[in-house]
Amino acid sequence: MADEKTAQPIDFSTFIFSLGSAALIHLGITPNPVTEKTEYNLDHAKQNIDLLAVLKEKTAGNLTKEEESLINNLLHSLRMKYMEELKKGKP
């Protein structure tokens, strides 16, 4: 567990990055930082991408330009990576 004195504050961008990072881990692109192993689970990746899409929808009109750009770009990138993995036909 992180030391409370060194823990960074959580804001919307940090939260969005954490969901995006989880999707990348489940797409097998980034190793799990805890286990340092590569994981691959398209269902879990899709779930994180879908969560980002729900957040985008529910926060529409309430984000800064930077936050809106971040979520739009991250969603686009993750969706493209997800589609690439689907095309590969991995189990």
C-alpha atoms as a PDB file:
ATOM      1  CA  MET A   1       0.000   0.000   0.000  1.00  0.00           C
ATOM      2  CA  ALA A   2       1.305   3.455  -0.885  1.00  0.00           C
ATOM      3  CA  ASP A   3       2.469   5.710   1.892  1.00  0.00           C
ATOM      4  CA  GLU A   4      -0.142   8.430   2.380  1.00  0.00           C
ATOM      5  CA  LYS A   5       2.609  11.055   2.402  1.00  0.00           C
ATOM      6  CA  THR A   6       3.854  10.046  -1.062  1.00  0.00           C
ATOM      7  CA  ALA A   7       0.525   9.176  -2.687  1.00  0.00           C
ATOM      8  CA  GLN A   8      -0.424  11.521  -5.512  1.00  0.00           C
ATOM      9  CA  PRO A   9      -3.861  13.146  -5.465  1.00  0.00           C
ATOM     10  CA  ILE A  10      -6.444  11.457  -7.639  1.00  0.00           C
ATOM     11  CA  ASP A  11      -8.122  13.622 -10.243  1.00  0.00           C
ATOM     12  CA  PHE A  12     -10.227  12.864 -13.311  1.00  0.00           C
ATOM     13  CA  SER A  13      -7.209  12.478 -15.589  1.00  0.00           C
ATOM     14  CA  THR A  14      -5.523  10.062 -13.186  1.00  0.00           C
ATOM     15  CA  PHE A  15      -8.708   8.004 -13.020  1.00  0.00           C
ATOM     16  CA  ILE A  16      -8.996   7.931 -16.817  1.00  0.00           C
ATOM     17  CA  PHE A  17      -5.350   6.883 -17.139  1.00  0.00           C
ATOM     18  CA  SER A  18      -5.870   4.079 -14.613  1.00  0.00           C
ATOM     19  CA  LEU A  19      -8.757   2.639 -16.649  1.00  0.00           C
ATOM     20  CA  GLY A  20      -6.743   3.008 -19.828  1.00  0.00           C
ATOM     21  CA  SER A  21      -3.750   1.299 -18.219  1.00  0.00           C
ATOM     22  CA  ALA A  22      -5.945  -1.586 -17.102  1.00  0.00           C
ATOM     23  CA  ALA A  23      -7.208  -1.990 -20.667  1.00  0.00           C
ATOM     24  CA  LEU A  24      -3.625  -2.020 -21.989  1.00  0.00           C
ATOM     25  CA  ILE A  25      -2.685  -4.678 -19.445  1.00  0.00           C
ATOM     26  CA  HIS A  26      -5.603  -6.885 -20.517  1.00  0.00           C
ATOM     27  CA  LEU A  27      -4.748  -6.353 -24.173  1.00  0.00           C
ATOM     28  CA  GLY A  28      -1.310  -7.796 -23.394  1.00  0.00           C
ATOM     29  CA  ILE A  29       0.404  -4.561 -24.409  1.00  0.00           C
ATOM     30  CA  THR A  30       1.648  -3.525 -20.973  1.00  0.00           C
ATOM     31  CA  PRO A  31       2.799  -5.971 -18.282  1.00  0.00           C
ATOM     32  CA  ASN A  32       0.874  -6.014 -15.028  1.00  0.00           C
ATOM     33  CA  PRO A  33       2.885  -3.725 -12.703  1.00  0.00           C
ATOM     34  CA  VAL A  34       2.190  -5.942  -9.687  1.00  0.00           C
ATOM     35  CA  THR A  35       3.059  -9.337 -11.190  1.00  0.00           C
ATOM     36  CA  GLU A  36       5.293  -8.027 -14.001  1.00  0.00           C
ATOM     37  CA  LYS A  37       3.606 -10.649 -16.213  1.00  0.00           C
ATOM     38  CA  THR A  38       1.856 -10.089 -19.509  1.00  0.00           C
ATOM     39  CA  GLU A  39      -1.872 -10.750 -19.281  1.00  0.00           C
ATOM     40  CA  TYR A  40      -4.358 -11.185 -22.080  1.00  0.00           C
ATOM     41  CA  ASN A  41      -8.096 -11.004 -21.546  1.00  0.00           C
ATOM     42  CA  LEU A  42     -10.125  -9.305 -24.275  1.00  0.00           C
ATOM     43  CA  ASP A  43     -13.309  -9.410 -22.188  1.00  0.00           C
ATOM     44  CA  HIS A  44     -11.659  -7.462 -19.384  1.00  0.00           C
ATOM     45  CA  ALA A  45     -10.073  -5.054 -21.861  1.00  0.00           C
ATOM     46  CA  LYS A  46     -13.475  -4.407 -23.430  1.00  0.00           C
ATOM     47  CA  GLN A  47     -15.006  -3.866 -20.001  1.00  0.00           C
ATOM     48  CA  ASN A  48     -12.465  -1.130 -19.216  1.00  0.00           C
ATOM     49  CA  ILE A  49     -12.968   0.473 -22.626  1.00  0.00           C
ATOM     50  CA  ASP A  50     -16.729   0.393 -22.116  1.00  0.00           C
ATOM     51  CA  LEU A  51     -16.300   1.993 -18.674  1.00  0.00           C
ATOM     52  CA  LEU A  52     -14.374   4.831 -20.300  1.00  0.00           C
ATOM     53  CA  ALA A  53     -17.156   5.253 -22.859  1.00  0.00           C
ATOM     54  CA  VAL A  54     -19.769   5.437 -20.087  1.00  0.00           C
ATOM     55  CA  LEU A  55     -17.686   8.030 -18.240  1.00  0.00           C
ATOM     56  CA  LYS A  56     -17.358  10.057 -21.428  1.00  0.00           C
ATOM     57  CA  GLU A  57     -21.117   9.982 -21.919  1.00  0.00           C
ATOM     58  CA  LYS A  58     -21.991  10.766 -18.305  1.00  0.00           C
ATOM     59  CA  THR A  59     -19.472  13.601 -17.966  1.00  0.00           C
ATOM     60  CA  ALA A  60     -20.275  15.284 -21.297  1.00  0.00           C
ATOM     61  CA  GLY A  61     -20.387  19.045 -20.848  1.00  0.00           C
ATOM     62  CA  ASN A  62     -18.620  18.894 -17.482  1.00  0.00           C
ATOM     63  CA  LEU A  63     -15.026  18.327 -18.570  1.00  0.00           C
ATOM     64  CA  THR A  64     -12.250  20.765 -19.298  1.00  0.00           C
ATOM     65  CA  LYS A  65     -11.000  20.840 -22.885  1.00  0.00           C
ATOM     66  CA  GLU A  66      -7.918  18.919 -21.776  1.00  0.00           C
ATOM     67  CA  GLU A  67      -9.966  16.232 -20.010  1.00  0.00           C
ATOM     68  CA  GLU A  68     -12.299  15.900 -22.975  1.00  0.00           C
ATOM     69  CA  SER A  69      -9.355  15.582 -25.353  1.00  0.00           C
ATOM     70  CA  LEU A  70      -7.712  13.022 -23.073  1.00  0.00           C
ATOM     71  CA  ILE A  71     -10.747  10.756 -22.858  1.00  0.00           C
ATOM     72  CA  ASN A  72     -11.494  11.069 -26.586  1.00  0.00           C
ATOM     73  CA  ASN A  73      -7.921  10.266 -27.621  1.00  0.00           C
ATOM     74  CA  LEU A  74      -7.556   7.449 -25.119  1.00  0.00           C
ATOM     75  CA  LEU A  75     -10.841   5.859 -26.161  1.00  0.00           C
ATOM     76  CA  HIS A  76      -9.949   6.073 -29.835  1.00  0.00           C
ATOM     77  CA  SER A  77      -6.514   4.543 -29.266  1.00  0.00           C
ATOM     78  CA  LEU A  78      -7.835   1.737 -27.055  1.00  0.00           C
ATOM     79  CA  ARG A  79     -10.648   0.909 -29.457  1.00  0.00           C
ATOM     80  CA  MET A  80      -8.181   0.650 -32.335  1.00  0.00           C
ATOM     81  CA  LYS A  81      -5.870  -1.609 -30.316  1.00  0.00           C
ATOM     82  CA  TYR A  82      -8.847  -3.743 -29.261  1.00  0.00           C
ATOM     83  CA  MET A  83      -9.968  -4.133 -32.880  1.00  0.00           C
ATOM     84  CA  GLU A  84      -6.431  -5.131 -33.888  1.00  0.00           C
ATOM     85  CA  GLU A  85      -6.472  -7.846 -31.242  1.00  0.00           C
ATOM     86  CA  LEU A  86      -9.888  -9.085 -32.376  1.00  0.00           C
ATOM     87  CA  LYS A  87      -8.574  -9.352 -35.951  1.00  0.00           C
ATOM     88  CA  LYS A  88      -5.643 -11.470 -34.743  1.00  0.00           C
ATOM     89  CA  GLY A  89      -8.152 -14.007 -33.447  1.00  0.00           C
ATOM     90  CA  LYS A  90      -6.284 -14.750 -30.234  1.00  0.00           C
ATOM     91  CA  PRO A  91      -8.150 -16.874 -27.670  1.00  0.00           C
END
